[in-house]
N, C-alpha and C. Protein backbone atom coordinates (compact mmCIF):
# COMPACT_ATOMS: atom_id res chain seq x y z
N MET A 1 -63.00 -18.90 -108.50
CA MET A 1 -64.93 -18.83 -107.94
C MET A 1 -63.79 -17.57 -106.52
N ARG A 2 -64.33 -17.18 -105.88
CA ARG A 2 -64.22 -16.82 -104.70
C ARG A 2 -64.25 -17.49 -103.45
N TRP A 3 -63.25 -17.89 -102.41
CA TRP A 3 -63.04 -18.43 -101.75
C TRP A 3 -64.64 -18.46 -100.72
N TYR A 4 -64.77 -17.00 -100.61
CA TYR A 4 -66.09 -17.07 -99.43
C TYR A 4 -67.52 -17.65 -100.48
N LYS A 5 -67.12 -17.43 -101.69
CA LYS A 5 -69.10 -17.85 -102.70
C LYS A 5 -68.46 -19.64 -102.51
N ARG A 6 -67.34 -20.30 -102.38
CA ARG A 6 -67.49 -21.55 -102.31
C ARG A 6 -67.86 -22.06 -100.86
N ALA A 7 -67.32 -20.96 -100.05
CA ALA A 7 -67.97 -21.58 -98.34
C ALA A 7 -69.35 -21.89 -98.82
N LEU A 8 -70.07 -20.83 -98.90
CA LEU A 8 -71.51 -20.11 -98.90
C LEU A 8 -71.74 -21.89 -99.83
N ARG A 9 -71.39 -21.68 -101.06
CA ARG A 9 -71.78 -23.00 -102.25
C ARG A 9 -71.87 -24.66 -101.36
N ASP A 10 -71.27 -24.68 -101.24
CA ASP A 10 -70.66 -26.16 -100.18
C ASP A 10 -71.36 -25.69 -99.01
N MET A 11 -71.41 -25.40 -98.19
CA MET A 11 -72.41 -24.94 -97.02
C MET A 11 -73.18 -25.42 -97.59
N GLY A 12 -74.46 -24.42 -98.73
CA GLY A 12 -75.71 -25.37 -99.31
C GLY A 12 -75.11 -25.98 -99.65
N VAL A 13 -74.54 -26.73 -100.52
CA VAL A 13 -74.73 -28.30 -101.23
C VAL A 13 -74.85 -29.24 -99.80
N ALA A 14 -74.44 -28.96 -99.05
CA ALA A 14 -74.17 -29.93 -97.34
C ALA A 14 -75.52 -30.06 -97.31
N LEU A 15 -76.55 -28.55 -97.41
CA LEU A 15 -77.64 -28.43 -96.08
C LEU A 15 -78.30 -29.13 -97.68
N GLY A 16 -78.22 -29.42 -99.06
CA GLY A 16 -79.41 -29.56 -99.56
C GLY A 16 -79.92 -29.06 -99.94
N LEU A 17 -78.96 -27.84 -100.36
CA LEU A 17 -79.73 -25.84 -101.16
C LEU A 17 -78.70 -26.08 -102.27
N VAL A 18 -79.27 -24.84 -102.86
CA VAL A 18 -79.20 -24.37 -103.88
C VAL A 18 -79.16 -22.49 -103.72
N VAL A 19 -77.79 -22.75 -102.78
CA VAL A 19 -77.99 -21.04 -102.41
C VAL A 19 -77.36 -20.30 -103.44
N GLY A 20 -78.17 -18.70 -102.99
CA GLY A 20 -77.76 -17.91 -104.00
C GLY A 20 -76.71 -17.14 -104.00
N VAL A 21 -76.04 -16.60 -104.73
CA VAL A 21 -74.72 -16.12 -104.21
C VAL A 21 -74.17 -14.95 -105.60
N ALA A 22 -74.36 -13.67 -105.44
CA ALA A 22 -73.73 -12.97 -106.34
C ALA A 22 -72.54 -13.73 -106.84
N GLY A 23 -73.03 -13.33 -108.31
CA GLY A 23 -71.93 -13.86 -108.97
C GLY A 23 -71.47 -15.82 -109.74
N VAL A 24 -72.96 -16.60 -108.54
CA VAL A 24 -72.72 -17.53 -108.64
C VAL A 24 -73.59 -18.18 -109.41
N GLY A 25 -73.57 -18.78 -110.11
CA GLY A 25 -75.30 -19.19 -111.47
C GLY A 25 -75.82 -20.24 -110.88
N ALA A 26 -76.40 -20.86 -111.44
CA ALA A 26 -77.13 -22.18 -111.66
C ALA A 26 -76.13 -23.22 -111.61
N ASP A 27 -75.49 -22.88 -112.84
CA ASP A 27 -74.95 -22.88 -113.90
C ASP A 27 -72.98 -23.70 -113.33
N GLU A 28 -73.16 -23.00 -111.95
CA GLU A 28 -72.32 -23.74 -110.67
C GLU A 28 -72.32 -24.57 -109.80
N THR A 29 -73.14 -24.57 -109.97
CA THR A 29 -74.45 -24.92 -108.54
C THR A 29 -74.46 -27.06 -108.91
N VAL A 30 -75.55 -26.84 -110.09
CA VAL A 30 -75.98 -27.83 -110.22
C VAL A 30 -75.81 -28.27 -111.57
N ALA A 31 -75.60 -29.20 -112.25
CA ALA A 31 -74.61 -29.72 -113.94
C ALA A 31 -75.97 -30.34 -114.92
N ALA A 32 -76.63 -29.85 -115.20
CA ALA A 32 -77.73 -30.49 -116.14
C ALA A 32 -76.89 -31.13 -117.11
N GLU A 33 -77.10 -33.26 -117.00
CA GLU A 33 -77.17 -33.17 -119.01
C GLU A 33 -78.03 -33.50 -119.98
N THR A 34 -79.36 -32.68 -119.07
CA THR A 34 -80.15 -32.59 -121.06
C THR A 34 -80.60 -31.89 -120.61
N LYS A 35 -81.05 -31.04 -121.91
CA LYS A 35 -82.03 -30.24 -121.65
C LYS A 35 -83.87 -30.38 -121.20
N GLU A 36 -84.05 -31.45 -121.10
CA GLU A 36 -85.54 -32.18 -121.23
C GLU A 36 -85.84 -31.82 -119.80
N ILE A 37 -84.44 -31.22 -119.41
CA ILE A 37 -85.64 -31.89 -117.13
C ILE A 37 -84.83 -31.00 -116.68
N GLU A 38 -85.37 -29.42 -116.33
CA GLU A 38 -84.93 -28.51 -115.26
C GLU A 38 -84.67 -28.91 -114.52
N VAL A 39 -83.49 -28.46 -113.51
CA VAL A 39 -83.73 -29.04 -112.05
C VAL A 39 -83.88 -27.12 -111.40
N SER A 40 -85.11 -26.91 -110.50
CA SER A 40 -84.40 -26.04 -110.00
C SER A 40 -84.63 -26.34 -108.43
N PRO A 41 -84.36 -25.18 -107.43
CA PRO A 41 -84.55 -25.64 -105.67
C PRO A 41 -86.41 -25.02 -105.81
N THR A 42 -86.45 -26.24 -104.68
CA THR A 42 -87.77 -26.28 -103.98
C THR A 42 -87.80 -24.75 -102.79
N PRO A 43 -89.27 -24.01 -102.93
CA PRO A 43 -89.48 -22.92 -103.14
C PRO A 43 -89.73 -22.75 -101.74
N PRO A 44 -88.51 -21.75 -100.92
CA PRO A 44 -89.10 -21.43 -99.15
C PRO A 44 -90.38 -21.81 -98.69
N PRO A 45 -90.14 -22.03 -97.74
CA PRO A 45 -92.18 -22.24 -96.97
C PRO A 45 -92.29 -21.18 -96.69
N PHE A 46 -91.64 -19.88 -96.59
CA PHE A 46 -91.66 -18.79 -95.71
C PHE A 46 -90.40 -17.96 -96.54
N VAL A 47 -90.22 -16.26 -96.61
CA VAL A 47 -89.90 -15.02 -97.07
C VAL A 47 -89.02 -15.09 -96.06
N LEU A 48 -87.44 -15.39 -95.54
CA LEU A 48 -86.61 -14.87 -95.29
C LEU A 48 -85.40 -13.69 -95.94
N THR A 49 -85.42 -12.68 -95.86
CA THR A 49 -85.05 -11.64 -96.38
C THR A 49 -83.57 -11.34 -94.63
N LEU A 50 -82.20 -10.74 -95.34
CA LEU A 50 -80.78 -10.46 -94.61
C LEU A 50 -80.94 -9.35 -95.05
N ARG A 51 -80.47 -8.38 -94.57
CA ARG A 51 -79.42 -7.07 -95.17
C ARG A 51 -78.67 -6.46 -93.98
N ALA A 52 -77.52 -6.04 -93.79
CA ALA A 52 -76.36 -5.17 -93.58
C ALA A 52 -77.59 -3.32 -93.41
N ASP A 53 -76.72 -3.26 -92.22
CA ASP A 53 -76.75 -1.73 -92.16
C ASP A 53 -76.02 -0.91 -93.49
N ARG A 54 -75.91 -1.33 -94.67
CA ARG A 54 -75.03 -0.66 -95.46
C ARG A 54 -75.53 -0.76 -96.33
N GLU A 55 -76.43 -0.45 -97.29
CA GLU A 55 -76.90 -0.79 -98.89
C GLU A 55 -75.23 -1.33 -99.81
N SER A 56 -74.80 -0.21 -99.10
CA SER A 56 -73.06 -0.71 -100.33
C SER A 56 -72.23 -2.10 -99.70
N GLY A 57 -72.94 -2.28 -98.43
CA GLY A 57 -71.58 -3.52 -97.69
C GLY A 57 -70.43 -3.12 -97.81
N ARG A 58 -70.46 -2.97 -98.09
CA ARG A 58 -68.87 -1.69 -97.94
C ARG A 58 -68.72 -1.65 -96.49
N TYR A 59 -67.35 -1.88 -95.45
CA TYR A 59 -67.62 -1.40 -94.04
C TYR A 59 -65.32 -1.51 -94.22
N ARG A 60 -65.06 -0.15 -93.22
CA ARG A 60 -64.17 -0.73 -93.13
C ARG A 60 -63.56 -1.78 -91.68
N LEU A 61 -62.57 -2.27 -91.29
CA LEU A 61 -61.89 -3.08 -89.98
C LEU A 61 -62.20 -2.00 -88.93
N GLY A 62 -62.74 -2.34 -87.47
CA GLY A 62 -63.15 -1.46 -86.53
C GLY A 62 -64.63 -1.42 -86.78
N GLU A 63 -64.88 -1.03 -88.09
CA GLU A 63 -66.54 -1.30 -87.32
C GLU A 63 -67.32 -1.63 -87.06
N LYS A 64 -67.95 -0.99 -86.84
CA LYS A 64 -69.26 -1.65 -86.10
C LYS A 64 -70.63 -2.29 -87.57
N VAL A 65 -71.29 -3.31 -87.10
CA VAL A 65 -72.23 -3.74 -88.46
C VAL A 65 -74.03 -3.75 -87.59
N ALA A 66 -74.86 -4.26 -88.05
CA ALA A 66 -76.01 -4.08 -87.58
C ALA A 66 -76.71 -5.20 -88.94
N PHE A 67 -77.60 -6.26 -88.41
CA PHE A 67 -78.19 -7.03 -88.99
C PHE A 67 -79.70 -6.34 -89.36
N SER A 68 -81.17 -6.52 -90.22
CA SER A 68 -81.83 -6.91 -90.39
C SER A 68 -82.43 -7.71 -91.02
N VAL A 69 -83.70 -8.36 -89.99
CA VAL A 69 -83.51 -9.40 -90.39
C VAL A 69 -85.97 -9.08 -90.68
N GLU A 70 -85.87 -9.53 -92.59
CA GLU A 70 -87.83 -9.65 -91.78
C GLU A 70 -88.15 -11.24 -92.75
N VAL A 71 -89.18 -11.95 -92.44
CA VAL A 71 -89.67 -12.96 -92.60
C VAL A 71 -91.69 -13.07 -92.27
N THR A 72 -91.35 -13.67 -93.06
CA THR A 72 -93.07 -13.33 -93.70
C THR A 72 -93.89 -14.70 -92.62
N ARG A 73 -93.34 -15.47 -91.73
CA ARG A 73 -93.94 -15.95 -90.49
C ARG A 73 -92.61 -16.80 -89.31
N ASP A 74 -93.33 -15.80 -88.65
CA ASP A 74 -92.63 -16.39 -87.47
C ASP A 74 -91.83 -17.67 -87.15
N CYS A 75 -90.95 -17.30 -86.61
CA CYS A 75 -89.40 -18.07 -86.82
C CYS A 75 -88.42 -17.98 -86.56
N TYR A 76 -87.42 -19.26 -85.74
CA TYR A 76 -86.54 -19.22 -85.26
C TYR A 76 -84.80 -18.66 -85.64
N LEU A 77 -84.39 -17.50 -85.52
CA LEU A 77 -83.41 -16.99 -85.81
C LEU A 77 -81.86 -17.93 -86.00
N THR A 78 -81.14 -18.08 -86.11
CA THR A 78 -79.46 -18.99 -86.25
C THR A 78 -78.74 -17.65 -87.19
N LEU A 79 -77.77 -17.06 -86.94
CA LEU A 79 -77.24 -15.63 -87.84
C LEU A 79 -75.50 -16.64 -87.70
N LEU A 80 -74.92 -17.04 -88.71
CA LEU A 80 -73.97 -18.00 -88.63
C LEU A 80 -73.39 -16.22 -89.64
N ASN A 81 -71.15 -16.15 -89.44
CA ASN A 81 -70.34 -15.76 -90.32
C ASN A 81 -69.63 -16.72 -91.19
N ILE A 82 -69.39 -16.25 -91.98
CA ILE A 82 -68.42 -17.29 -92.38
C ILE A 82 -66.95 -16.31 -93.08
N GLY A 83 -66.15 -16.37 -92.08
CA GLY A 83 -65.47 -14.33 -92.51
C GLY A 83 -64.24 -15.08 -92.88
N THR A 84 -63.72 -13.95 -92.64
CA THR A 84 -62.27 -14.13 -94.23
C THR A 84 -61.40 -14.77 -94.40
N SER A 85 -61.16 -15.75 -93.51
CA SER A 85 -60.33 -16.85 -92.67
C SER A 85 -60.99 -17.96 -93.30
N GLY A 86 -62.31 -18.19 -93.56
CA GLY A 86 -63.08 -18.92 -94.48
C GLY A 86 -63.97 -20.16 -92.94
N GLN A 87 -63.49 -19.41 -91.70
CA GLN A 87 -63.97 -20.29 -90.50
C GLN A 87 -65.35 -19.90 -90.37
N VAL A 88 -65.93 -21.16 -90.16
CA VAL A 88 -67.64 -20.00 -89.73
C VAL A 88 -67.88 -20.02 -88.40
N LYS A 89 -68.34 -19.36 -87.69
CA LYS A 89 -68.69 -18.59 -86.62
C LYS A 89 -69.99 -18.45 -86.21
N LEU A 90 -70.65 -18.59 -85.03
CA LEU A 90 -71.74 -18.17 -84.69
C LEU A 90 -72.40 -16.79 -84.44
N LEU A 91 -73.50 -16.09 -84.57
CA LEU A 91 -73.40 -14.52 -84.22
C LEU A 91 -74.18 -14.83 -83.20
N PHE A 92 -75.43 -15.18 -83.66
CA PHE A 92 -76.71 -15.25 -83.30
C PHE A 92 -77.39 -16.64 -82.85
N PRO A 93 -78.15 -16.79 -82.10
CA PRO A 93 -77.99 -16.22 -80.79
C PRO A 93 -77.18 -16.83 -79.90
N ASN A 94 -77.26 -15.29 -78.60
CA ASN A 94 -76.20 -16.11 -78.10
C ASN A 94 -75.90 -14.95 -77.06
N GLN A 95 -74.95 -15.30 -76.08
CA GLN A 95 -75.38 -15.32 -73.88
C GLN A 95 -75.80 -13.63 -74.27
N PHE A 96 -75.43 -12.65 -74.96
CA PHE A 96 -76.59 -11.18 -74.06
C PHE A 96 -77.97 -11.33 -74.91
N GLN A 97 -78.35 -12.08 -75.56
CA GLN A 97 -79.35 -12.63 -76.09
C GLN A 97 -80.33 -13.75 -76.85
N SER A 98 -80.73 -14.68 -76.56
CA SER A 98 -80.95 -15.55 -76.51
C SER A 98 -82.01 -16.02 -77.00
N GLY A 99 -82.62 -14.97 -76.30
CA GLY A 99 -84.27 -15.45 -77.33
C GLY A 99 -83.99 -15.50 -79.41
N ASN A 100 -84.66 -16.25 -79.84
CA ASN A 100 -83.53 -16.02 -80.76
C ASN A 100 -84.94 -15.93 -82.08
N LEU A 101 -86.87 -15.59 -81.34
CA LEU A 101 -87.74 -15.83 -81.49
C LEU A 101 -87.88 -15.07 -82.95
N LEU A 102 -88.24 -15.01 -83.76
CA LEU A 102 -88.86 -13.66 -85.19
C LEU A 102 -90.51 -13.32 -84.87
N ARG A 103 -91.09 -12.56 -85.07
CA ARG A 103 -92.07 -12.24 -85.42
C ARG A 103 -92.42 -11.45 -87.11
N ALA A 104 -93.65 -12.25 -87.73
CA ALA A 104 -93.89 -12.38 -89.11
C ALA A 104 -94.48 -10.42 -89.09
N GLY A 105 -93.87 -9.83 -90.35
CA GLY A 105 -93.96 -8.37 -91.61
C GLY A 105 -93.84 -7.56 -90.65
N ALA A 106 -92.96 -7.05 -89.88
CA ALA A 106 -91.61 -6.63 -89.65
C ALA A 106 -90.83 -6.57 -89.66
N PRO A 107 -89.62 -5.59 -89.69
CA PRO A 107 -87.96 -5.81 -90.26
C PRO A 107 -87.03 -5.78 -88.75
N GLN A 108 -86.06 -6.41 -87.61
CA GLN A 108 -86.13 -6.88 -87.24
C GLN A 108 -84.65 -6.22 -86.67
N ARG A 109 -83.87 -5.72 -85.69
CA ARG A 109 -82.43 -5.68 -85.56
C ARG A 109 -82.01 -6.19 -84.83
N VAL A 110 -80.53 -6.91 -85.43
CA VAL A 110 -80.16 -7.92 -84.46
C VAL A 110 -78.98 -6.84 -84.70
N ALA A 111 -78.07 -6.55 -83.17
CA ALA A 111 -77.21 -5.64 -82.11
C ALA A 111 -77.54 -4.33 -82.84
N SER A 112 -78.49 -4.16 -82.63
CA SER A 112 -78.74 -2.75 -83.10
C SER A 112 -78.38 -1.54 -82.10
N ILE A 113 -78.32 -0.01 -82.23
CA ILE A 113 -78.13 0.67 -81.58
C ILE A 113 -79.25 0.34 -79.83
N GLY A 114 -78.56 0.43 -78.99
CA GLY A 114 -78.76 -0.37 -77.68
C GLY A 114 -79.10 -1.74 -77.07
N ALA A 115 -78.78 -2.19 -78.39
CA ALA A 115 -78.98 -3.85 -77.85
C ALA A 115 -77.79 -4.11 -76.51
N PRO A 116 -77.40 -5.80 -76.10
CA PRO A 116 -76.35 -5.67 -75.65
C PRO A 116 -75.73 -6.01 -75.80
N PHE A 117 -75.47 -6.23 -76.52
CA PHE A 117 -74.47 -6.15 -77.57
C PHE A 117 -74.32 -5.85 -78.58
N GLU A 118 -72.45 -6.21 -79.82
CA GLU A 118 -72.57 -5.43 -80.95
C GLU A 118 -71.15 -6.23 -81.28
N PHE A 119 -71.65 -6.51 -82.80
CA PHE A 119 -71.00 -6.83 -84.01
C PHE A 119 -69.38 -5.84 -84.65
N THR A 120 -68.28 -6.00 -84.39
CA THR A 120 -67.54 -5.12 -84.73
C THR A 120 -66.48 -5.86 -86.26
N LEU A 121 -65.84 -5.47 -86.49
CA LEU A 121 -65.62 -6.66 -88.29
C LEU A 121 -64.05 -5.78 -87.17
N ASN A 122 -63.48 -7.06 -87.24
CA ASN A 122 -61.65 -7.03 -86.91
C ASN A 122 -61.15 -8.35 -88.33
N GLY A 123 -60.51 -8.46 -87.62
CA GLY A 123 -59.41 -9.92 -88.18
C GLY A 123 -58.88 -9.20 -90.21
N PRO A 124 -58.36 -10.26 -90.39
CA PRO A 124 -57.91 -9.58 -91.87
C PRO A 124 -59.13 -8.86 -92.94
N PRO A 125 -58.49 -8.14 -94.12
CA PRO A 125 -59.12 -7.18 -94.83
C PRO A 125 -60.34 -8.66 -95.32
N GLY A 126 -61.43 -8.18 -96.95
CA GLY A 126 -61.98 -9.37 -97.35
C GLY A 126 -63.12 -9.49 -97.70
N THR A 127 -64.14 -10.50 -97.58
CA THR A 127 -65.24 -10.45 -98.45
C THR A 127 -65.84 -11.85 -96.63
N GLU A 128 -67.05 -10.97 -96.42
CA GLU A 128 -66.83 -11.57 -95.38
C GLU A 128 -68.42 -11.79 -95.32
N GLY A 129 -69.20 -13.37 -95.23
CA GLY A 129 -70.23 -14.32 -95.60
C GLY A 129 -70.91 -14.33 -94.80
N VAL A 130 -72.22 -13.57 -94.40
CA VAL A 130 -73.52 -13.99 -93.32
C VAL A 130 -74.21 -15.07 -93.99
N MET A 131 -74.90 -15.70 -93.21
CA MET A 131 -75.68 -16.74 -93.37
C MET A 131 -76.79 -16.39 -92.62
N ALA A 132 -78.20 -17.19 -93.10
CA ALA A 132 -79.53 -16.85 -91.58
C ALA A 132 -80.08 -17.70 -91.91
N ILE A 133 -80.74 -18.78 -90.83
CA ILE A 133 -81.32 -19.56 -91.50
C ILE A 133 -82.43 -19.29 -90.34
N CYS A 134 -83.74 -19.60 -90.46
CA CYS A 134 -84.94 -18.90 -90.28
C CYS A 134 -85.49 -20.42 -90.00
N ALA A 135 -85.89 -21.16 -88.91
CA ALA A 135 -86.86 -22.13 -88.80
C ALA A 135 -88.12 -21.86 -87.70
N LEU A 136 -89.38 -22.66 -88.51
CA LEU A 136 -89.98 -22.53 -87.62
C LEU A 136 -90.22 -22.99 -86.15
N ASP A 137 -89.96 -23.99 -86.28
CA ASP A 137 -89.68 -24.68 -84.54
C ASP A 137 -87.87 -24.48 -84.10
N ALA A 138 -88.00 -24.20 -83.34
CA ALA A 138 -86.55 -23.67 -82.66
C ALA A 138 -85.71 -25.20 -83.27
N ILE A 139 -84.56 -24.65 -83.72
CA ILE A 139 -83.49 -25.54 -83.80
C ILE A 139 -82.97 -26.14 -82.64
N PRO A 140 -82.96 -27.60 -83.22
CA PRO A 140 -81.99 -28.17 -81.61
C PRO A 140 -80.49 -28.50 -81.78
N VAL A 141 -80.14 -26.87 -82.05
CA VAL A 141 -78.17 -26.84 -82.46
C VAL A 141 -77.39 -27.21 -81.54
N GLY A 142 -76.16 -27.83 -81.71
CA GLY A 142 -75.36 -28.23 -80.45
C GLY A 142 -73.89 -26.99 -80.54
N PHE A 143 -74.25 -26.52 -81.81
CA PHE A 143 -73.46 -25.20 -81.37
C PHE A 143 -73.69 -23.83 -80.87
N GLN A 144 -75.33 -24.33 -79.89
CA GLN A 144 -75.72 -22.60 -79.72
C GLN A 144 -74.35 -22.42 -78.56
N PRO A 145 -74.77 -21.13 -77.81
CA PRO A 145 -73.27 -20.56 -77.07
C PRO A 145 -73.68 -20.98 -75.51
N THR A 146 -72.52 -21.40 -75.78
CA THR A 146 -72.06 -21.97 -73.70
C THR A 146 -71.63 -20.96 -72.89
N ALA A 147 -71.24 -21.84 -71.47
CA ALA A 147 -70.81 -20.89 -70.53
C ALA A 147 -69.17 -21.72 -70.72
N GLY A 148 -68.91 -20.32 -69.35
CA GLY A 148 -68.06 -20.35 -69.47
C GLY A 148 -66.99 -18.88 -70.50
N ILE A 149 -68.07 -18.51 -71.28
CA ILE A 149 -68.04 -17.12 -72.10
C ILE A 149 -67.41 -16.20 -71.30
N PRO A 150 -66.25 -15.21 -71.27
CA PRO A 150 -65.89 -13.87 -70.54
C PRO A 150 -67.23 -13.11 -69.63
N PRO A 151 -67.44 -12.56 -69.42
CA PRO A 151 -68.19 -11.68 -69.28
C PRO A 151 -68.36 -10.08 -70.12
N GLY A 152 -68.49 -9.52 -71.27
CA GLY A 152 -68.95 -8.71 -71.86
C GLY A 152 -68.58 -9.08 -74.00
N GLN A 153 -67.81 -10.45 -73.09
CA GLN A 153 -67.73 -11.21 -75.14
C GLN A 153 -69.06 -11.32 -75.55
N VAL A 154 -68.66 -11.59 -76.76
CA VAL A 154 -70.00 -12.10 -77.74
C VAL A 154 -69.24 -13.66 -77.90
N SER A 155 -70.41 -13.91 -78.09
CA SER A 155 -69.95 -16.30 -78.34
C SER A 155 -69.02 -16.08 -79.92
N VAL A 156 -69.28 -14.98 -80.75
CA VAL A 156 -68.71 -15.36 -81.55
C VAL A 156 -67.74 -16.50 -82.04
N THR A 157 -66.69 -16.94 -80.53
CA THR A 157 -65.74 -18.11 -80.74
C THR A 157 -66.51 -19.28 -81.20
N VAL A 158 -67.18 -18.92 -80.94
CA VAL A 158 -68.97 -20.90 -80.73
C VAL A 158 -67.74 -20.57 -82.53
N GLN A 159 -66.80 -22.19 -82.70
CA GLN A 159 -66.77 -22.39 -84.05
C GLN A 159 -67.62 -23.54 -84.12
N VAL A 160 -68.03 -23.68 -85.87
CA VAL A 160 -69.19 -24.47 -86.42
C VAL A 160 -68.86 -24.83 -87.47
N THR A 161 -69.41 -26.35 -88.08
CA THR A 161 -68.13 -26.64 -88.79
C THR A 161 -69.78 -27.09 -90.32
N THR A 162 -69.39 -27.39 -91.28
CA THR A 162 -71.03 -27.54 -92.33
C THR A 162 -71.79 -29.14 -91.60
N LYS A 163 -70.71 -29.15 -90.71
CA LYS A 163 -71.32 -31.16 -90.41
C LYS A 163 -72.57 -31.07 -89.22
N ASP A 164 -71.95 -29.75 -88.50
CA ASP A 164 -72.75 -29.22 -87.08
C ASP A 164 -74.02 -28.55 -87.85
N ILE A 165 -74.34 -27.83 -88.30
CA ILE A 165 -75.55 -27.34 -89.28
C ILE A 165 -76.73 -28.25 -90.36
N GLU A 166 -75.61 -29.29 -90.60
CA GLU A 166 -76.11 -30.36 -91.46
C GLU A 166 -77.26 -30.82 -90.50
N ALA A 167 -76.10 -31.71 -89.77
CA ALA A 167 -76.54 -32.10 -88.53
C ALA A 167 -77.88 -31.48 -87.06
N ALA A 168 -78.81 -30.47 -86.83
CA ALA A 168 -79.06 -29.83 -87.03
C ALA A 168 -80.37 -29.31 -87.59
N LEU A 169 -79.56 -29.61 -88.88
CA LEU A 169 -81.15 -29.44 -89.62
C LEU A 169 -80.97 -30.89 -90.81
N LYS A 170 -81.24 -31.86 -90.30
CA LYS A 170 -81.51 -33.01 -90.71
C LYS A 170 -82.33 -33.12 -90.62
N PRO A 171 -82.81 -33.21 -89.07
CA PRO A 171 -84.59 -33.99 -88.74
C PRO A 171 -85.22 -33.07 -88.54
N ILE A 172 -84.88 -31.89 -89.20
CA ILE A 172 -86.39 -30.35 -89.64
C ILE A 172 -86.30 -30.74 -91.08
N PRO A 173 -87.51 -31.37 -91.28
CA PRO A 173 -88.19 -31.46 -93.45
C PRO A 173 -87.95 -30.36 -93.65
N LYS A 174 -87.37 -30.44 -94.81
CA LYS A 174 -86.80 -29.03 -95.43
C LYS A 174 -87.83 -27.42 -95.65
N ASP A 175 -88.86 -28.28 -95.61
CA ASP A 175 -90.14 -27.17 -95.53
C ASP A 175 -91.03 -25.80 -94.50
N ARG A 176 -90.27 -26.35 -93.51
CA ARG A 176 -89.82 -25.76 -92.11
C ARG A 176 -88.74 -24.80 -91.82
N TRP A 177 -87.72 -24.64 -92.86
CA TRP A 177 -86.97 -23.52 -92.24
C TRP A 177 -86.46 -22.97 -93.82
N ALA A 178 -86.00 -22.10 -93.35
CA ALA A 178 -85.17 -20.77 -95.11
C ALA A 178 -83.51 -20.72 -94.71
N VAL A 179 -83.46 -20.40 -96.22
CA VAL A 179 -81.65 -19.70 -95.80
C VAL A 179 -82.17 -18.96 -96.74
N ALA A 180 -81.01 -16.98 -96.08
CA ALA A 180 -80.24 -16.21 -97.36
C ALA A 180 -79.31 -15.24 -96.42
N THR A 181 -78.69 -14.99 -97.34
CA THR A 181 -77.20 -14.95 -97.93
C THR A 181 -77.04 -13.80 -98.15
N ILE A 182 -75.51 -12.97 -97.43
CA ILE A 182 -74.89 -11.71 -98.06
C ILE A 182 -73.23 -11.66 -97.23
N SER A 183 -72.53 -10.99 -98.56
CA SER A 183 -71.81 -10.50 -98.66
C SER A 183 -71.57 -9.15 -98.42
N LEU A 184 -69.93 -9.03 -96.86
CA LEU A 184 -69.60 -7.56 -96.91
C LEU A 184 -68.11 -7.43 -97.35
N GLU A 185 -68.01 -6.08 -97.70
CA GLU A 185 -66.94 -6.09 -98.12
C GLU A 185 -65.49 -5.42 -97.27
N VAL A 186 -65.49 -6.15 -96.72
CA VAL A 186 -63.82 -5.54 -95.00
C VAL A 186 -62.31 -5.22 -95.66
N GLU A 187 -62.22 -3.68 -96.14
CA GLU A 187 -62.04 -2.50 -96.26
C GLU A 187 -60.51 -2.08 -94.70
N SER A 188 -58.96 -2.13 -95.47
CA SER A 188 -58.91 -2.12 -94.38
C SER A 188 -58.76 -0.98 -93.62
N SER A 189 -58.17 0.27 -95.16
CA SER A 189 -58.33 1.27 -94.83
C SER A 189 -58.76 2.24 -95.59
N GLY A 190 -59.47 3.98 -95.82
CA GLY A 190 -59.93 4.57 -96.66
C GLY A 190 -61.58 4.88 -95.23
N PRO A 191 -62.09 5.27 -96.66
CA PRO A 191 -63.64 5.94 -95.94
C PRO A 191 -64.26 5.20 -96.57
N SER A 192 -65.72 4.27 -95.53
CA SER A 192 -66.41 3.31 -95.94
C SER A 192 -67.38 4.39 -96.86
N ARG A 193 -67.76 3.20 -97.55
CA ARG A 193 -69.04 3.73 -98.62
C ARG A 193 -70.67 3.25 -98.86
């Protein structure tokens, strides 16, 4: 199993989720001893859809990426990056846009044209995972952006751990938040598709 699938699965297991990632089936996440008992995830309280600005999900190093998020209920968005190195970093909210309340019904772009920040794909080529967590109430997260970040730089250097995420979500009932994940293939050279 590729490292990013394992990282997304491990994050989901720590949060009490069954995270759906292409290529990771339920048999890899939950093993049932008997056929009489069916194990299935609890349906989320609302629908959360996360997309990259390219349907193919393929990018080259140095290219910009934006995300589209759509929800069926108003909620507060936290966007995390699971990098090619396996490190988890906070992408959104950040010091340029701390308001993370999304309104239901229409796709909303994060880091779109005209936004006061952008996401650039840097680092080694490979598969980047992106996880969106949307809660009906503001998440009292300890890994939100901190002061002291130089002007003009987005706070993606804020490191997060599965333990930080679990601690932030633990007090929130599971029927009050939802998770979506996507993967981006980052190539070192050649044309993007």
